Amino acid sequence: MKGFVKWMDDAPLWLKIVFALPVLDIVWAIYRIVKGVAYKKVSRIIAGIVWILLGCVIFWIIDIICVCIWREPKVLA
């Protein structure tokens, strides 16, 4: 689990931006769920589930902005 989180954290910026696009934003939702399980944070698991449901509608914009500014999704991650 922590290997996936490390891989996502170390991914190049262009790949992180691609993962933040509307249809592919589910990758960041899975990242939130896996990170929540790896670090035993229930709030991150719930955020990941919510992100799966609403991510392709509006939350993908938040992910793109966060990735461009901080190089990782900061909101609910």
C-alpha atoms as a PDB file:
ATOM      1  CA  MET A   1       0.000   0.000   0.000  1.00  0.00           C
ATOM      2  CA  LYS A   2       2.689   2.469   0.962  1.00  0.00           C
ATOM      3  CA  GLY A   3       4.538   1.558  -2.239  1.00  0.00           C
ATOM      4  CA  PHE A   4       1.622   2.866  -4.334  1.00  0.00           C
ATOM      5  CA  VAL A   5       1.465   6.060  -2.266  1.00  0.00           C
ATOM      6  CA  LYS A   6       5.219   6.591  -2.693  1.00  0.00           C
ATOM      7  CA  TRP A   7       4.977   5.918  -6.430  1.00  0.00           C
ATOM      8  CA  MET A   8       2.190   8.490  -6.797  1.00  0.00           C
ATOM      9  CA  ASP A   9       4.088  11.021  -4.686  1.00  0.00           C
ATOM     10  CA  ASP A  10       7.238  10.552  -6.786  1.00  0.00           C
ATOM     11  CA  ALA A  11       5.473  10.583 -10.177  1.00  0.00           C
ATOM     12  CA  PRO A  12       6.430  13.381 -12.595  1.00  0.00           C
ATOM     13  CA  LEU A  13       4.278  16.507 -12.661  1.00  0.00           C
ATOM     14  CA  TRP A  14       2.931  15.873 -16.167  1.00  0.00           C
ATOM     15  CA  LEU A  15       1.631  12.432 -15.086  1.00  0.00           C
ATOM     16  CA  LYS A  16      -0.024  13.875 -11.991  1.00  0.00           C
ATOM     17  CA  ILE A  17      -1.801  16.470 -14.146  1.00  0.00           C
ATOM     18  CA  VAL A  18      -2.965  13.753 -16.558  1.00  0.00           C
ATOM     19  CA  PHE A  19      -4.348  11.774 -13.607  1.00  0.00           C
ATOM     20  CA  ALA A  20      -6.296  14.875 -12.538  1.00  0.00           C
ATOM     21  CA  LEU A  21      -8.268  15.082 -15.794  1.00  0.00           C
ATOM     22  CA  PRO A  22     -12.028  14.433 -15.533  1.00  0.00           C
ATOM     23  CA  VAL A  23     -12.201  10.738 -16.398  1.00  0.00           C
ATOM     24  CA  LEU A  24      -8.829   9.782 -14.931  1.00  0.00           C
ATOM     25  CA  ASP A  25      -9.443  11.601 -11.646  1.00  0.00           C
ATOM     26  CA  ILE A  26     -10.508   8.253 -10.219  1.00  0.00           C
ATOM     27  CA  VAL A  27      -6.775   7.544  -9.833  1.00  0.00           C
ATOM     28  CA  TRP A  28      -6.548  10.306  -7.227  1.00  0.00           C
ATOM     29  CA  ALA A  29      -9.645   8.899  -5.509  1.00  0.00           C
ATOM     30  CA  ILE A  30      -7.956   5.496  -5.301  1.00  0.00           C
ATOM     31  CA  TYR A  31      -4.806   7.258  -4.045  1.00  0.00           C
ATOM     32  CA  ARG A  32      -6.845   8.828  -1.240  1.00  0.00           C
ATOM     33  CA  ILE A  33      -8.376   5.476  -0.273  1.00  0.00           C
ATOM     34  CA  VAL A  34      -5.041   3.626  -0.351  1.00  0.00           C
ATOM     35  CA  LYS A  35      -3.314   6.404   1.596  1.00  0.00           C
ATOM     36  CA  GLY A  36      -6.109   6.291   4.174  1.00  0.00           C
ATOM     37  CA  VAL A  37      -5.764   2.536   4.577  1.00  0.00           C
ATOM     38  CA  ALA A  38      -1.943   2.698   4.694  1.00  0.00           C
ATOM     39  CA  TYR A  39      -1.891   5.397   7.365  1.00  0.00           C
ATOM     40  CA  LYS A  40      -5.108   4.272   9.123  1.00  0.00           C
ATOM     41  CA  LYS A  41      -7.016   7.518   8.505  1.00  0.00           C
ATOM     42  CA  VAL A  42     -10.769   6.958   8.176  1.00  0.00           C
ATOM     43  CA  SER A  43     -11.321  10.524   6.948  1.00  0.00           C
ATOM     44  CA  ARG A  44      -9.091   9.889   3.915  1.00  0.00           C
ATOM     45  CA  ILE A  45     -10.931   6.669   3.110  1.00  0.00           C
ATOM     46  CA  ILE A  46     -14.269   8.479   3.229  1.00  0.00           C
ATOM     47  CA  ALA A  47     -12.837  11.343   1.156  1.00  0.00           C
ATOM     48  CA  GLY A  48     -11.675   8.830  -1.458  1.00  0.00           C
ATOM     49  CA  ILE A  49     -15.115   7.268  -1.682  1.00  0.00           C
ATOM     50  CA  VAL A  50     -16.750  10.685  -2.030  1.00  0.00           C
ATOM     51  CA  TRP A  51     -14.135  11.605  -4.635  1.00  0.00           C
ATOM     52  CA  ILE A  52     -15.074   8.533  -6.701  1.00  0.00           C
ATOM     53  CA  LEU A  53     -18.713   9.611  -6.691  1.00  0.00           C
ATOM     54  CA  LEU A  54     -18.219  13.341  -7.351  1.00  0.00           C
ATOM     55  CA  GLY A  55     -14.689  13.549  -8.747  1.00  0.00           C
ATOM     56  CA  CYS A  56     -15.524  13.475 -12.428  1.00  0.00           C
ATOM     57  CA  VAL A  57     -18.231  16.095 -11.952  1.00  0.00           C
ATOM     58  CA  ILE A  58     -16.467  18.936 -10.164  1.00  0.00           C
ATOM     59  CA  PHE A  59     -13.620  17.812  -7.892  1.00  0.00           C
ATOM     60  CA  TRP A  60     -11.226  17.193 -10.791  1.00  0.00           C
ATOM     61  CA  ILE A  61     -10.802  20.968 -11.088  1.00  0.00           C
ATOM     62  CA  ILE A  62      -9.642  21.103  -7.469  1.00  0.00           C
ATOM     63  CA  ASP A  63      -7.142  18.312  -8.122  1.00  0.00           C
ATOM     64  CA  ILE A  64      -5.665  20.048 -11.181  1.00  0.00           C
ATOM     65  CA  ILE A  65      -5.234  23.309  -9.265  1.00  0.00           C
ATOM     66  CA  CYS A  66      -3.666  21.566  -6.262  1.00  0.00           C
ATOM     67  CA  VAL A  67      -1.308  19.480  -8.407  1.00  0.00           C
ATOM     68  CA  CYS A  68      -0.156  22.554 -10.324  1.00  0.00           C
ATOM     69  CA  ILE A  69       0.460  24.562  -7.151  1.00  0.00           C
ATOM     70  CA  TRP A  70       1.687  21.974  -4.621  1.00  0.00           C
ATOM     71  CA  ARG A  71       2.551  19.008  -6.915  1.00  0.00           C
ATOM     72  CA  GLU A  72       0.082  16.772  -5.052  1.00  0.00           C
ATOM     73  CA  PRO A  73      -3.611  16.837  -4.206  1.00  0.00           C
ATOM     74  CA  LYS A  74      -3.943  18.642  -0.884  1.00  0.00           C
ATOM     75  CA  VAL A  75      -7.718  18.817  -0.492  1.00  0.00           C
ATOM     76  CA  LEU A  76      -9.003  15.822   1.465  1.00  0.00           C
ATOM     77  CA  ALA A  77      -5.842  13.835   0.785  1.00  0.00           C
END
